[in-house]
């Protein structure tokens, strides 16, 4: 079966987000799509950019750097690193991305801070929380979250914006919402503890649970297949 054109799939994704925000009683500008472009060619990203998409998420550093070089002429594009981050890749991420969603330990945060060029704005950071307590998932625990947040707030080249999670798959709106509610509550607690921090971001929700995420306050919803079609294998 032929996959829909990006113009069609992106329009559908935007309608889903708009409808979900309306259901939640939230303003239409309250959340935006993060187009997960990992394994997708630069030409697809360029097409989405021409359709008004500006936020793109990548998991693999070298692949992302290659695309960034090809797409350097695109104004207003914001690159988000959303995959697991190894220590030997932090310099490239600190130098070439606007956001990192997957910080879960002080060592990685400190390297990003020290390697962020002074000429650039501070790097926007989301802390990845292992909200479903899965042994196979990366992320800081809820118990350890305040300590990690406090450490990052002392790093001048980082700007702590919020939290990210990839909850365990669940069937049904109620089951999907439960871990997302815990993440929202965790962000609310951080806001109380650190009232001067710009904690305005909940990065959660994907193709299967976008609506549940928006009902629980998501501000960045990560969609890949729903926009770009089936994922290509990454060796």
N, C-alpha and C. Protein backbone atom coordinates (compact mmCIF):
# COMPACT_ATOMS: atom_id res chain seq x y z
N UNK A 1 0.84 -1.19 0.00
CA UNK A 1 0.00 0.00 0.00
C UNK A 1 0.88 1.25 0.00
N UNK A 2 0.56 2.19 -0.84
CA UNK A 2 1.34 3.41 -0.94
C UNK A 2 1.08 4.30 0.28
N UNK A 3 2.15 4.82 0.88
CA UNK A 3 1.98 5.69 2.03
C UNK A 3 1.56 7.08 1.58
N UNK A 4 0.79 7.81 2.39
CA UNK A 4 0.35 9.14 2.01
C UNK A 4 1.53 10.11 1.88
N UNK A 5 1.33 11.15 1.08
CA UNK A 5 2.36 12.18 0.95
C UNK A 5 2.56 12.88 2.29
N UNK A 6 3.75 13.44 2.47
CA UNK A 6 4.03 14.12 3.73
C UNK A 6 3.03 15.25 3.97
N UNK A 7 2.62 15.93 2.93
CA UNK A 7 1.66 17.02 3.10
C UNK A 7 0.36 16.50 3.72
N UNK A 8 -0.07 15.34 3.29
CA UNK A 8 -1.30 14.75 3.81
C UNK A 8 -1.11 14.24 5.23
N UNK A 9 -0.02 13.51 5.47
CA UNK A 9 0.18 12.93 6.80
C UNK A 9 0.47 14.02 7.84
N UNK A 10 1.18 15.07 7.46
CA UNK A 10 1.44 16.15 8.40
C UNK A 10 0.16 16.91 8.72
N UNK A 11 -0.68 17.12 7.71
CA UNK A 11 -1.96 17.77 7.96
C UNK A 11 -2.83 16.93 8.89
N UNK A 12 -2.81 15.61 8.71
CA UNK A 12 -3.57 14.73 9.59
C UNK A 12 -3.05 14.79 11.01
N UNK A 13 -1.72 14.79 11.17
CA UNK A 13 -1.12 14.87 12.50
C UNK A 13 -1.49 16.19 13.18
N UNK A 14 -1.47 17.26 12.42
CA UNK A 14 -1.84 18.56 13.00
C UNK A 14 -3.30 18.59 13.42
N UNK A 15 -4.17 17.97 12.62
CA UNK A 15 -5.58 17.91 13.01
C UNK A 15 -5.76 17.12 14.29
N UNK A 16 -5.05 16.01 14.40
CA UNK A 16 -5.13 15.21 15.62
C UNK A 16 -4.72 16.04 16.84
N UNK A 17 -3.63 16.78 16.70
CA UNK A 17 -3.15 17.60 17.81
C UNK A 17 -4.15 18.69 18.15
N UNK A 18 -4.67 19.36 17.13
CA UNK A 18 -5.65 20.43 17.36
C UNK A 18 -6.90 19.88 18.02
N UNK A 19 -7.38 18.73 17.55
CA UNK A 19 -8.58 18.13 18.13
C UNK A 19 -8.33 17.72 19.59
N UNK A 20 -7.15 17.17 19.85
CA UNK A 20 -6.82 16.74 21.22
C UNK A 20 -6.75 17.94 22.16
N UNK A 21 -6.16 19.04 21.69
CA UNK A 21 -6.08 20.25 22.51
C UNK A 21 -7.48 20.79 22.80
N UNK A 22 -8.35 20.74 21.79
CA UNK A 22 -9.72 21.20 21.99
C UNK A 22 -10.43 20.33 23.02
N UNK A 23 -10.24 19.01 22.94
CA UNK A 23 -10.86 18.10 23.89
C UNK A 23 -10.37 18.39 25.31
N UNK A 24 -9.09 18.75 25.42
CA UNK A 24 -8.51 19.03 26.73
C UNK A 24 -8.84 20.44 27.22
N UNK A 25 -9.47 21.25 26.38
CA UNK A 25 -9.77 22.62 26.77
C UNK A 25 -8.54 23.50 26.83
N UNK A 26 -7.56 23.18 26.00
CA UNK A 26 -6.30 23.94 25.99
C UNK A 26 -6.19 24.78 24.72
N UNK A 27 -5.47 25.90 24.77
CA UNK A 27 -5.29 26.73 23.58
C UNK A 27 -4.54 25.98 22.49
N UNK A 28 -4.82 26.33 21.25
CA UNK A 28 -4.22 25.62 20.13
C UNK A 28 -2.70 25.77 20.11
N UNK A 29 -2.18 26.85 20.68
CA UNK A 29 -0.74 27.09 20.70
C UNK A 29 -0.05 26.44 21.89
N UNK A 30 -0.78 25.66 22.65
CA UNK A 30 -0.26 25.11 23.90
C UNK A 30 0.67 23.93 23.71
N UNK A 31 0.65 23.30 22.53
CA UNK A 31 1.51 22.15 22.26
C UNK A 31 1.87 22.16 20.79
N UNK A 32 3.00 21.54 20.48
CA UNK A 32 3.42 21.47 19.09
C UNK A 32 3.99 20.10 18.77
N UNK A 33 4.04 19.81 17.48
CA UNK A 33 4.55 18.53 17.01
C UNK A 33 6.07 18.57 16.92
N UNK A 34 6.69 17.51 17.40
CA UNK A 34 8.11 17.26 17.17
C UNK A 34 8.19 16.12 16.16
N UNK A 35 8.59 16.44 14.94
CA UNK A 35 8.65 15.44 13.87
C UNK A 35 9.91 14.59 14.04
N UNK A 36 9.72 13.32 14.36
CA UNK A 36 10.86 12.42 14.59
C UNK A 36 11.36 11.94 13.23
N UNK A 37 12.50 12.48 12.83
CA UNK A 37 13.01 12.28 11.48
C UNK A 37 14.18 11.31 11.42
N UNK A 38 14.43 10.59 12.50
CA UNK A 38 15.53 9.61 12.48
C UNK A 38 15.29 8.59 11.37
N UNK A 39 16.35 8.24 10.70
CA UNK A 39 16.42 7.30 9.57
C UNK A 39 15.76 7.84 8.31
N UNK A 40 15.21 9.04 8.35
CA UNK A 40 14.57 9.60 7.17
C UNK A 40 15.53 10.52 6.43
N UNK A 41 15.45 10.57 5.09
CA UNK A 41 16.39 11.39 4.32
C UNK A 41 16.14 12.88 4.49
N UNK A 42 17.18 13.64 4.23
CA UNK A 42 17.10 15.09 4.36
C UNK A 42 16.00 15.67 3.48
N UNK A 43 15.76 15.05 2.32
CA UNK A 43 14.74 15.57 1.41
C UNK A 43 13.37 15.57 2.06
N UNK A 44 13.07 14.58 2.89
CA UNK A 44 11.78 14.53 3.58
C UNK A 44 11.68 15.64 4.62
N UNK A 45 12.77 15.89 5.32
CA UNK A 45 12.79 16.98 6.30
C UNK A 45 12.58 18.31 5.61
N UNK A 46 13.24 18.50 4.47
CA UNK A 46 13.08 19.74 3.72
C UNK A 46 11.62 19.94 3.30
N UNK A 47 11.00 18.86 2.86
CA UNK A 47 9.60 18.95 2.45
C UNK A 47 8.72 19.34 3.63
N UNK A 48 8.95 18.72 4.78
CA UNK A 48 8.16 19.06 5.97
C UNK A 48 8.40 20.50 6.39
N UNK A 49 9.64 20.96 6.28
CA UNK A 49 9.95 22.36 6.61
C UNK A 49 9.17 23.32 5.71
N UNK A 50 9.11 23.01 4.42
CA UNK A 50 8.36 23.86 3.50
C UNK A 50 6.87 23.87 3.83
N UNK A 51 6.41 22.86 4.55
CA UNK A 51 5.02 22.79 4.98
C UNK A 51 4.81 23.42 6.36
N UNK A 52 5.85 24.04 6.88
CA UNK A 52 5.74 24.78 8.13
C UNK A 52 6.25 24.09 9.37
N UNK A 53 6.73 22.84 9.25
CA UNK A 53 7.26 22.13 10.41
C UNK A 53 8.66 22.67 10.74
N UNK A 54 8.91 22.92 12.01
CA UNK A 54 10.20 23.50 12.40
C UNK A 54 10.98 22.64 13.40
N UNK A 55 10.31 21.81 14.18
CA UNK A 55 10.99 21.01 15.20
C UNK A 55 11.18 19.58 14.70
N UNK A 56 12.42 19.12 14.73
CA UNK A 56 12.75 17.78 14.23
C UNK A 56 13.58 17.04 15.27
N UNK A 57 13.25 15.75 15.47
CA UNK A 57 13.93 14.94 16.47
C UNK A 57 14.79 13.87 15.84
N UNK A 58 16.01 13.74 16.33
CA UNK A 58 16.97 12.76 15.83
C UNK A 58 17.54 11.93 16.98
N UNK A 59 17.83 10.65 16.67
CA UNK A 59 18.38 9.73 17.67
C UNK A 59 19.85 9.41 17.48
N UNK A 60 20.35 9.56 16.26
CA UNK A 60 21.70 9.12 15.93
C UNK A 60 22.53 10.34 15.54
N UNK A 61 23.62 10.56 16.28
CA UNK A 61 24.36 11.81 16.17
C UNK A 61 24.93 12.02 14.77
N UNK A 62 25.67 11.04 14.24
CA UNK A 62 26.32 11.25 12.95
C UNK A 62 25.29 11.43 11.83
N UNK A 63 24.23 10.64 11.87
CA UNK A 63 23.18 10.79 10.87
C UNK A 63 22.59 12.20 10.92
N UNK A 64 22.38 12.68 12.13
CA UNK A 64 21.81 14.03 12.29
C UNK A 64 22.77 15.10 11.78
N UNK A 65 24.05 14.96 12.08
CA UNK A 65 25.03 15.96 11.62
C UNK A 65 25.08 16.01 10.10
N UNK A 66 24.99 14.84 9.46
CA UNK A 66 24.99 14.81 8.00
C UNK A 66 23.77 15.55 7.44
N UNK A 67 22.63 15.35 8.04
CA UNK A 67 21.42 16.04 7.59
C UNK A 67 21.52 17.54 7.84
N UNK A 68 22.03 17.91 8.99
CA UNK A 68 22.15 19.32 9.31
C UNK A 68 23.03 20.05 8.29
N UNK A 69 24.08 19.39 7.85
CA UNK A 69 24.96 20.00 6.85
C UNK A 69 24.22 20.24 5.54
N UNK A 70 23.42 19.27 5.13
CA UNK A 70 22.66 19.38 3.88
C UNK A 70 21.56 20.43 3.98
N UNK A 71 21.01 20.60 5.17
CA UNK A 71 19.85 21.47 5.38
C UNK A 71 20.20 22.79 6.05
N UNK A 72 21.47 23.16 5.98
CA UNK A 72 21.93 24.36 6.69
C UNK A 72 21.26 25.64 6.20
N UNK A 73 20.68 25.61 5.01
CA UNK A 73 20.02 26.80 4.47
C UNK A 73 18.63 27.03 5.04
N UNK A 74 18.08 26.09 5.77
CA UNK A 74 16.71 26.22 6.28
C UNK A 74 16.70 27.07 7.54
N UNK A 75 15.98 28.16 7.50
CA UNK A 75 15.92 29.08 8.64
C UNK A 75 14.88 28.61 9.65
N UNK A 76 15.18 28.83 10.91
CA UNK A 76 14.22 28.57 11.96
C UNK A 76 14.06 27.12 12.35
N UNK A 77 14.88 26.25 11.80
CA UNK A 77 14.77 24.84 12.14
C UNK A 77 15.38 24.59 13.52
N UNK A 78 14.71 23.76 14.31
CA UNK A 78 15.20 23.44 15.66
C UNK A 78 15.44 21.94 15.74
N UNK A 79 16.67 21.57 16.02
CA UNK A 79 17.05 20.16 16.11
C UNK A 79 17.00 19.69 17.55
N UNK A 80 16.28 18.61 17.79
CA UNK A 80 16.12 18.03 19.11
C UNK A 80 16.81 16.67 19.12
N UNK A 81 17.70 16.46 20.08
CA UNK A 81 18.28 15.12 20.24
C UNK A 81 17.42 14.37 21.24
N UNK A 82 16.87 13.22 20.81
CA UNK A 82 15.89 12.51 21.64
C UNK A 82 16.32 11.09 21.99
N UNK A 83 17.50 10.67 21.55
CA UNK A 83 17.93 9.30 21.80
C UNK A 83 18.89 9.20 22.98
N UNK A 84 19.27 7.98 23.34
CA UNK A 84 20.26 7.79 24.40
C UNK A 84 21.56 8.49 24.02
N UNK A 85 22.16 9.16 24.98
CA UNK A 85 23.35 9.96 24.70
C UNK A 85 24.55 9.40 25.44
N UNK A 86 25.58 9.03 24.65
CA UNK A 86 26.81 8.51 25.21
C UNK A 86 27.80 9.65 25.45
N UNK A 87 28.70 9.44 26.39
CA UNK A 87 29.64 10.50 26.76
C UNK A 87 30.49 10.95 25.58
N UNK A 88 30.85 10.01 24.69
CA UNK A 88 31.72 10.39 23.59
C UNK A 88 30.99 11.14 22.47
N UNK A 89 29.68 11.36 22.63
CA UNK A 89 28.92 12.09 21.62
C UNK A 89 28.40 13.43 22.13
N UNK A 90 28.71 13.77 23.37
CA UNK A 90 28.11 14.98 23.94
C UNK A 90 28.60 16.25 23.26
N UNK A 91 29.86 16.29 22.83
CA UNK A 91 30.36 17.53 22.21
C UNK A 91 29.59 17.86 20.94
N UNK A 92 29.38 16.87 20.07
CA UNK A 92 28.64 17.12 18.84
C UNK A 92 27.22 17.58 19.13
N UNK A 93 26.59 16.99 20.13
CA UNK A 93 25.24 17.38 20.47
C UNK A 93 25.22 18.79 21.07
N UNK A 94 26.16 19.08 21.94
CA UNK A 94 26.23 20.41 22.55
C UNK A 94 26.44 21.51 21.51
N UNK A 95 27.14 21.18 20.46
CA UNK A 95 27.48 22.18 19.45
C UNK A 95 26.43 22.33 18.36
N UNK A 96 25.59 21.31 18.14
CA UNK A 96 24.75 21.30 16.94
C UNK A 96 23.25 21.13 17.18
N UNK A 97 22.84 21.04 18.43
CA UNK A 97 21.42 20.87 18.71
C UNK A 97 20.90 22.03 19.57
N UNK A 98 19.59 22.26 19.48
CA UNK A 98 18.94 23.27 20.32
C UNK A 98 18.36 22.66 21.59
N UNK A 99 17.96 21.38 21.48
CA UNK A 99 17.33 20.68 22.60
C UNK A 99 17.95 19.29 22.78
N UNK A 100 17.96 18.83 24.03
CA UNK A 100 18.26 17.43 24.35
C UNK A 100 17.17 16.95 25.30
N UNK A 101 16.48 15.86 24.92
CA UNK A 101 15.36 15.36 25.70
C UNK A 101 15.73 14.18 26.59
N UNK A 102 16.96 13.70 26.51
CA UNK A 102 17.28 12.39 27.09
C UNK A 102 18.36 12.46 28.17
N UNK A 103 18.45 13.57 28.88
CA UNK A 103 19.43 13.69 29.97
C UNK A 103 18.89 12.96 31.20
N UNK A 104 19.69 12.04 31.72
CA UNK A 104 19.23 11.28 32.89
C UNK A 104 20.30 11.10 33.95
N UNK A 105 21.45 11.77 33.79
CA UNK A 105 22.48 11.70 34.82
C UNK A 105 23.36 12.95 34.76
N UNK A 106 23.96 13.24 35.90
CA UNK A 106 24.73 14.48 36.05
C UNK A 106 25.94 14.48 35.13
N UNK A 107 26.59 13.35 34.96
CA UNK A 107 27.80 13.31 34.13
C UNK A 107 27.52 13.81 32.71
N UNK A 108 26.44 13.35 32.11
CA UNK A 108 26.09 13.78 30.76
C UNK A 108 25.76 15.27 30.75
N UNK A 109 25.01 15.71 31.73
CA UNK A 109 24.64 17.13 31.80
C UNK A 109 25.87 18.01 31.93
N UNK A 110 26.81 17.60 32.76
CA UNK A 110 28.00 18.41 32.96
C UNK A 110 28.82 18.51 31.68
N UNK A 111 28.92 17.42 30.95
CA UNK A 111 29.66 17.46 29.69
C UNK A 111 28.96 18.37 28.67
N UNK A 112 27.65 18.28 28.59
CA UNK A 112 26.91 19.16 27.68
C UNK A 112 27.12 20.62 28.05
N UNK A 113 27.07 20.92 29.34
CA UNK A 113 27.28 22.28 29.81
C UNK A 113 28.67 22.80 29.45
N UNK A 114 29.68 21.98 29.73
CA UNK A 114 31.06 22.41 29.50
C UNK A 114 31.38 22.53 28.01
N UNK A 115 30.67 21.78 27.17
CA UNK A 115 30.98 21.75 25.75
C UNK A 115 30.04 22.63 24.91
N UNK A 116 29.04 23.25 25.54
CA UNK A 116 28.14 24.13 24.82
C UNK A 116 28.88 25.43 24.48
N UNK A 117 28.99 25.79 23.19
CA UNK A 117 29.70 27.01 22.81
C UNK A 117 29.06 28.26 23.43
N UNK A 118 29.89 29.15 23.93
CA UNK A 118 29.39 30.36 24.57
C UNK A 118 28.63 31.25 23.61
N UNK A 119 28.90 31.12 22.31
CA UNK A 119 28.23 31.95 21.32
C UNK A 119 26.78 31.53 21.09
N UNK A 120 26.42 30.34 21.54
CA UNK A 120 25.07 29.84 21.35
C UNK A 120 24.22 30.08 22.60
N UNK A 121 22.92 30.11 22.40
CA UNK A 121 22.00 30.16 23.53
C UNK A 121 22.22 28.92 24.41
N UNK A 122 21.89 29.00 25.69
CA UNK A 122 21.97 27.78 26.50
C UNK A 122 21.17 26.65 25.87
N UNK A 123 21.64 25.44 26.07
CA UNK A 123 21.01 24.26 25.50
C UNK A 123 19.77 23.91 26.31
N UNK A 124 18.62 23.82 25.63
CA UNK A 124 17.38 23.46 26.30
C UNK A 124 17.38 21.97 26.63
N UNK A 125 17.04 21.66 27.87
CA UNK A 125 17.17 20.30 28.39
C UNK A 125 15.84 19.79 28.93
N UNK A 126 15.51 18.55 28.58
CA UNK A 126 14.46 17.81 29.28
C UNK A 126 15.11 16.63 29.98
N UNK A 127 14.70 16.36 31.18
CA UNK A 127 15.19 15.20 31.90
C UNK A 127 14.33 14.00 31.55
N UNK A 128 14.97 12.92 31.14
CA UNK A 128 14.22 11.71 30.82
C UNK A 128 13.92 10.94 32.10
N UNK A 129 12.64 10.69 32.33
CA UNK A 129 12.20 9.99 33.52
C UNK A 129 11.73 8.60 33.13
N UNK A 130 12.19 7.60 33.85
CA UNK A 130 11.72 6.22 33.63
C UNK A 130 10.40 6.07 34.37
N UNK A 131 9.35 6.62 33.78
CA UNK A 131 8.08 6.80 34.48
C UNK A 131 7.37 5.48 34.75
N UNK A 132 7.64 4.45 33.95
CA UNK A 132 7.01 3.15 34.17
C UNK A 132 7.93 2.18 34.90
N UNK A 133 9.11 2.68 35.33
CA UNK A 133 10.07 1.86 36.09
C UNK A 133 10.42 0.57 35.37
N UNK A 134 10.72 0.70 34.07
CA UNK A 134 11.08 -0.46 33.26
C UNK A 134 12.58 -0.68 33.30
N UNK A 135 13.00 -1.90 33.57
CA UNK A 135 14.43 -2.20 33.66
C UNK A 135 15.15 -1.94 32.34
N UNK A 136 14.44 -2.06 31.23
CA UNK A 136 15.07 -1.91 29.92
C UNK A 136 15.12 -0.46 29.43
N UNK A 137 14.52 0.44 30.17
CA UNK A 137 14.42 1.84 29.72
C UNK A 137 15.43 2.73 30.43
N UNK A 138 15.94 3.71 29.69
CA UNK A 138 16.76 4.75 30.29
C UNK A 138 15.87 5.69 31.08
N UNK A 139 16.49 6.51 31.90
CA UNK A 139 15.75 7.54 32.61
C UNK A 139 16.02 7.54 34.09
N UNK A 140 15.90 8.72 34.67
CA UNK A 140 16.06 8.89 36.10
C UNK A 140 14.77 8.47 36.79
N UNK A 141 14.88 7.99 38.02
CA UNK A 141 13.68 7.64 38.77
C UNK A 141 13.03 8.90 39.33
N UNK A 142 11.76 8.80 39.69
CA UNK A 142 11.08 9.94 40.28
C UNK A 142 11.76 10.37 41.58
N UNK A 143 12.26 9.40 42.33
CA UNK A 143 12.91 9.72 43.61
C UNK A 143 14.19 10.53 43.41
N UNK A 144 14.91 10.24 42.33
CA UNK A 144 16.19 10.90 42.07
C UNK A 144 16.04 12.19 41.28
N UNK A 145 14.84 12.44 40.78
CA UNK A 145 14.62 13.58 39.87
C UNK A 145 14.96 14.93 40.50
N UNK A 146 14.53 15.27 41.71
CA UNK A 146 14.84 16.59 42.25
C UNK A 146 16.33 16.87 42.37
N UNK A 147 17.10 15.87 42.75
CA UNK A 147 18.54 16.06 42.90
C UNK A 147 19.19 16.35 41.56
N UNK A 148 18.79 15.61 40.52
CA UNK A 148 19.33 15.85 39.18
C UNK A 148 18.92 17.23 38.68
N UNK A 149 17.68 17.60 38.89
CA UNK A 149 17.21 18.92 38.44
C UNK A 149 18.00 20.03 39.12
N UNK A 150 18.21 19.90 40.40
CA UNK A 150 18.94 20.94 41.13
C UNK A 150 20.36 21.10 40.62
N UNK A 151 21.01 19.97 40.30
CA UNK A 151 22.38 20.03 39.77
C UNK A 151 22.40 20.75 38.43
N UNK A 152 21.44 20.48 37.58
CA UNK A 152 21.43 21.08 36.24
C UNK A 152 21.10 22.57 36.31
N UNK A 153 20.28 22.96 37.25
CA UNK A 153 19.95 24.38 37.38
C UNK A 153 21.16 25.23 37.75
N UNK A 154 22.22 24.60 38.22
CA UNK A 154 23.45 25.32 38.53
C UNK A 154 24.42 25.37 37.35
N UNK A 155 24.02 24.81 36.20
CA UNK A 155 24.89 24.76 35.03
C UNK A 155 24.48 25.88 34.06
N UNK A 156 25.33 26.90 33.88
CA UNK A 156 24.90 28.10 33.16
C UNK A 156 24.67 27.93 31.66
N UNK A 157 25.25 26.90 31.05
CA UNK A 157 25.09 26.72 29.61
C UNK A 157 23.94 25.77 29.28
N UNK A 158 23.22 25.34 30.31
CA UNK A 158 22.03 24.52 30.12
C UNK A 158 20.82 25.27 30.65
N UNK A 159 19.66 25.02 30.03
CA UNK A 159 18.41 25.63 30.47
C UNK A 159 17.40 24.50 30.67
N UNK A 160 17.12 24.19 31.91
CA UNK A 160 16.20 23.09 32.21
C UNK A 160 14.78 23.51 31.89
N UNK A 161 14.17 22.83 30.91
CA UNK A 161 12.84 23.20 30.44
C UNK A 161 11.74 22.26 30.93
N UNK A 162 12.09 21.00 31.22
CA UNK A 162 11.02 20.11 31.65
C UNK A 162 11.42 18.66 31.65
N UNK A 163 10.42 17.81 31.41
CA UNK A 163 10.59 16.36 31.53
C UNK A 163 10.16 15.65 30.26
N UNK A 164 10.77 14.49 30.04
CA UNK A 164 10.42 13.62 28.92
C UNK A 164 10.25 12.21 29.45
N UNK A 165 9.33 11.47 28.84
CA UNK A 165 9.17 10.07 29.20
C UNK A 165 8.64 9.29 28.00
N UNK A 166 8.95 8.00 28.01
CA UNK A 166 8.41 7.04 27.04
C UNK A 166 7.72 5.96 27.87
N UNK A 167 6.45 6.16 28.22
CA UNK A 167 5.77 5.18 29.06
C UNK A 167 5.67 3.81 28.39
N UNK A 168 5.52 2.79 29.20
CA UNK A 168 5.28 1.45 28.66
C UNK A 168 3.99 1.46 27.85
N UNK A 169 3.96 0.71 26.73
CA UNK A 169 2.74 0.67 25.93
C UNK A 169 1.54 0.22 26.76
N UNK A 170 0.40 0.85 26.49
CA UNK A 170 -0.81 0.52 27.23
C UNK A 170 -2.01 0.63 26.31
N UNK A 171 -3.02 -0.15 26.58
CA UNK A 171 -4.24 -0.14 25.78
C UNK A 171 -5.32 0.65 26.51
N UNK A 172 -5.94 1.57 25.79
CA UNK A 172 -7.03 2.32 26.37
C UNK A 172 -6.57 3.64 26.95
N UNK A 173 -7.42 4.64 26.84
CA UNK A 173 -7.07 5.99 27.26
C UNK A 173 -6.71 6.08 28.74
N UNK A 174 -7.46 5.41 29.59
CA UNK A 174 -7.20 5.50 31.03
C UNK A 174 -5.84 4.94 31.39
N UNK A 175 -5.49 3.79 30.82
CA UNK A 175 -4.19 3.18 31.10
C UNK A 175 -3.05 4.01 30.53
N UNK A 176 -3.27 4.62 29.38
CA UNK A 176 -2.25 5.47 28.78
C UNK A 176 -2.01 6.72 29.62
N UNK A 177 -3.07 7.27 30.15
CA UNK A 177 -2.96 8.53 30.88
C UNK A 177 -2.25 8.39 32.23
N UNK A 178 -2.33 7.22 32.86
CA UNK A 178 -1.83 7.07 34.23
C UNK A 178 -0.35 7.46 34.37
N UNK A 179 0.58 6.89 33.58
CA UNK A 179 1.98 7.29 33.74
C UNK A 179 2.22 8.74 33.32
N UNK A 180 1.45 9.21 32.36
CA UNK A 180 1.61 10.61 31.93
C UNK A 180 1.16 11.57 33.02
N UNK A 181 0.14 11.18 33.75
CA UNK A 181 -0.28 11.99 34.89
C UNK A 181 0.82 12.07 35.94
N UNK A 182 1.53 10.94 36.15
CA UNK A 182 2.64 10.95 37.11
C UNK A 182 3.74 11.90 36.65
N UNK A 183 4.01 11.93 35.34
CA UNK A 183 5.04 12.83 34.84
C UNK A 183 4.60 14.28 35.01
N UNK A 184 3.34 14.57 34.70
CA UNK A 184 2.83 15.94 34.88
C UNK A 184 2.94 16.36 36.34
N UNK A 185 2.57 15.46 37.25
CA UNK A 185 2.66 15.78 38.67
C UNK A 185 4.11 16.01 39.10
N UNK A 186 5.02 15.24 38.52
CA UNK A 186 6.44 15.42 38.85
C UNK A 186 6.93 16.79 38.41
N UNK A 187 6.48 17.24 37.22
CA UNK A 187 6.85 18.58 36.76
C UNK A 187 6.25 19.65 37.67
N UNK A 188 5.02 19.45 38.09
CA UNK A 188 4.39 20.41 39.00
C UNK A 188 5.15 20.51 40.31
N UNK A 189 5.64 19.39 40.81
CA UNK A 189 6.43 19.40 42.05
C UNK A 189 7.74 20.14 41.85
N UNK A 190 8.38 19.94 40.68
CA UNK A 190 9.63 20.67 40.41
C UNK A 190 9.37 22.17 40.33
N UNK A 191 8.25 22.56 39.74
CA UNK A 191 7.93 23.98 39.66
C UNK A 191 7.78 24.60 41.05
N UNK A 192 7.19 23.86 41.96
CA UNK A 192 7.05 24.36 43.33
C UNK A 192 8.40 24.47 44.02
N UNK A 193 9.25 23.48 43.76
CA UNK A 193 10.56 23.45 44.41
C UNK A 193 11.52 24.49 43.83
N UNK A 194 11.40 24.71 42.50
CA UNK A 194 12.30 25.64 41.81
C UNK A 194 11.46 26.67 41.05
N UNK A 195 10.85 27.62 41.75
CA UNK A 195 9.89 28.53 41.11
C UNK A 195 10.50 29.46 40.06
N UNK A 196 11.79 29.66 40.10
CA UNK A 196 12.42 30.56 39.13
C UNK A 196 12.89 29.85 37.86
N UNK A 197 12.78 28.53 37.81
CA UNK A 197 13.23 27.78 36.64
C UNK A 197 12.16 27.82 35.54
N UNK A 198 12.58 27.86 34.27
CA UNK A 198 11.62 27.94 33.15
C UNK A 198 11.03 26.58 32.79
N UNK A 199 10.38 25.94 33.74
CA UNK A 199 9.90 24.57 33.57
C UNK A 199 8.53 24.59 32.89
N UNK A 200 8.55 24.57 31.57
CA UNK A 200 7.32 24.73 30.80
C UNK A 200 7.06 23.59 29.81
N UNK A 201 7.86 22.51 29.88
CA UNK A 201 7.82 21.50 28.82
C UNK A 201 7.55 20.11 29.36
N UNK A 202 6.58 19.44 28.73
CA UNK A 202 6.35 18.01 28.92
C UNK A 202 6.46 17.35 27.55
N UNK A 203 7.54 16.61 27.34
CA UNK A 203 7.77 15.91 26.08
C UNK A 203 7.27 14.48 26.26
N UNK A 204 6.06 14.24 25.76
CA UNK A 204 5.49 12.89 25.89
C UNK A 204 4.37 12.74 24.88
N UNK A 205 4.11 11.48 24.55
CA UNK A 205 3.09 11.19 23.56
C UNK A 205 3.69 10.90 22.21
N UNK A 206 3.20 9.80 21.60
CA UNK A 206 3.63 9.43 20.26
C UNK A 206 2.39 9.07 19.45
N UNK A 207 2.58 8.40 18.35
CA UNK A 207 1.46 8.16 17.43
C UNK A 207 0.28 7.45 18.11
N UNK A 208 0.56 6.49 18.99
CA UNK A 208 -0.50 5.67 19.57
C UNK A 208 -1.17 6.31 20.78
N UNK A 209 -0.53 7.32 21.38
CA UNK A 209 -1.10 7.87 22.61
C UNK A 209 -1.08 9.40 22.65
N UNK A 210 -1.10 10.02 21.48
CA UNK A 210 -1.07 11.48 21.40
C UNK A 210 -2.19 12.10 22.22
N UNK A 211 -3.41 11.59 22.06
CA UNK A 211 -4.56 12.20 22.73
C UNK A 211 -4.44 12.12 24.25
N UNK A 212 -4.01 10.97 24.75
CA UNK A 212 -3.83 10.82 26.20
C UNK A 212 -2.77 11.79 26.71
N UNK A 213 -1.69 11.95 25.94
CA UNK A 213 -0.61 12.85 26.35
C UNK A 213 -1.10 14.29 26.44
N UNK A 214 -1.87 14.72 25.45
CA UNK A 214 -2.35 16.10 25.44
C UNK A 214 -3.32 16.33 26.60
N UNK A 215 -4.14 15.36 26.91
CA UNK A 215 -5.04 15.49 28.05
C UNK A 215 -4.29 15.64 29.36
N UNK A 216 -3.07 15.11 29.41
CA UNK A 216 -2.25 15.22 30.63
C UNK A 216 -1.22 16.35 30.56
N UNK A 217 -1.32 17.21 29.55
CA UNK A 217 -0.50 18.41 29.55
C UNK A 217 0.72 18.41 28.66
N UNK A 218 0.85 17.45 27.75
CA UNK A 218 2.02 17.43 26.86
C UNK A 218 2.13 18.76 26.10
N UNK A 219 3.36 19.24 25.96
CA UNK A 219 3.62 20.44 25.16
C UNK A 219 4.41 20.13 23.90
N UNK A 220 5.10 19.00 23.89
CA UNK A 220 5.81 18.50 22.71
C UNK A 220 5.40 17.05 22.51
N UNK A 221 4.81 16.76 21.36
CA UNK A 221 4.37 15.40 21.05
C UNK A 221 5.23 14.87 19.92
N UNK A 222 5.85 13.71 20.13
CA UNK A 222 6.84 13.17 19.20
C UNK A 222 6.18 12.20 18.21
N UNK A 223 6.10 12.60 16.96
CA UNK A 223 5.50 11.76 15.93
C UNK A 223 6.51 11.50 14.82
N UNK A 224 6.71 10.23 14.50
CA UNK A 224 7.61 9.85 13.42
C UNK A 224 6.89 9.20 12.28
N UNK A 225 6.48 7.94 12.48
CA UNK A 225 5.79 7.19 11.44
C UNK A 225 4.54 7.91 10.94
N UNK A 226 3.81 8.54 11.84
CA UNK A 226 2.58 9.23 11.46
C UNK A 226 2.82 10.37 10.49
N UNK A 227 4.04 10.89 10.45
CA UNK A 227 4.38 11.99 9.54
C UNK A 227 5.17 11.49 8.34
N UNK A 228 6.19 10.68 8.60
CA UNK A 228 7.14 10.31 7.55
C UNK A 228 6.93 8.91 6.98
N UNK A 229 6.01 8.14 7.55
CA UNK A 229 5.83 6.77 7.08
C UNK A 229 6.69 5.80 7.85
N UNK A 230 6.65 4.54 7.44
CA UNK A 230 7.35 3.47 8.15
C UNK A 230 8.83 3.77 8.27
N UNK A 231 9.38 3.42 9.41
CA UNK A 231 10.77 3.70 9.71
C UNK A 231 11.69 2.81 8.89
N UNK A 232 12.81 3.38 8.44
CA UNK A 232 13.84 2.61 7.76
C UNK A 232 14.76 1.96 8.80
N UNK A 233 15.28 0.83 8.45
CA UNK A 233 16.21 0.16 9.37
C UNK A 233 17.49 0.97 9.49
N UNK A 234 18.00 1.08 10.73
CA UNK A 234 19.25 1.81 10.98
C UNK A 234 20.29 0.80 11.48
N UNK A 235 21.32 0.59 10.66
CA UNK A 235 22.37 -0.38 11.04
C UNK A 235 23.41 0.27 11.91
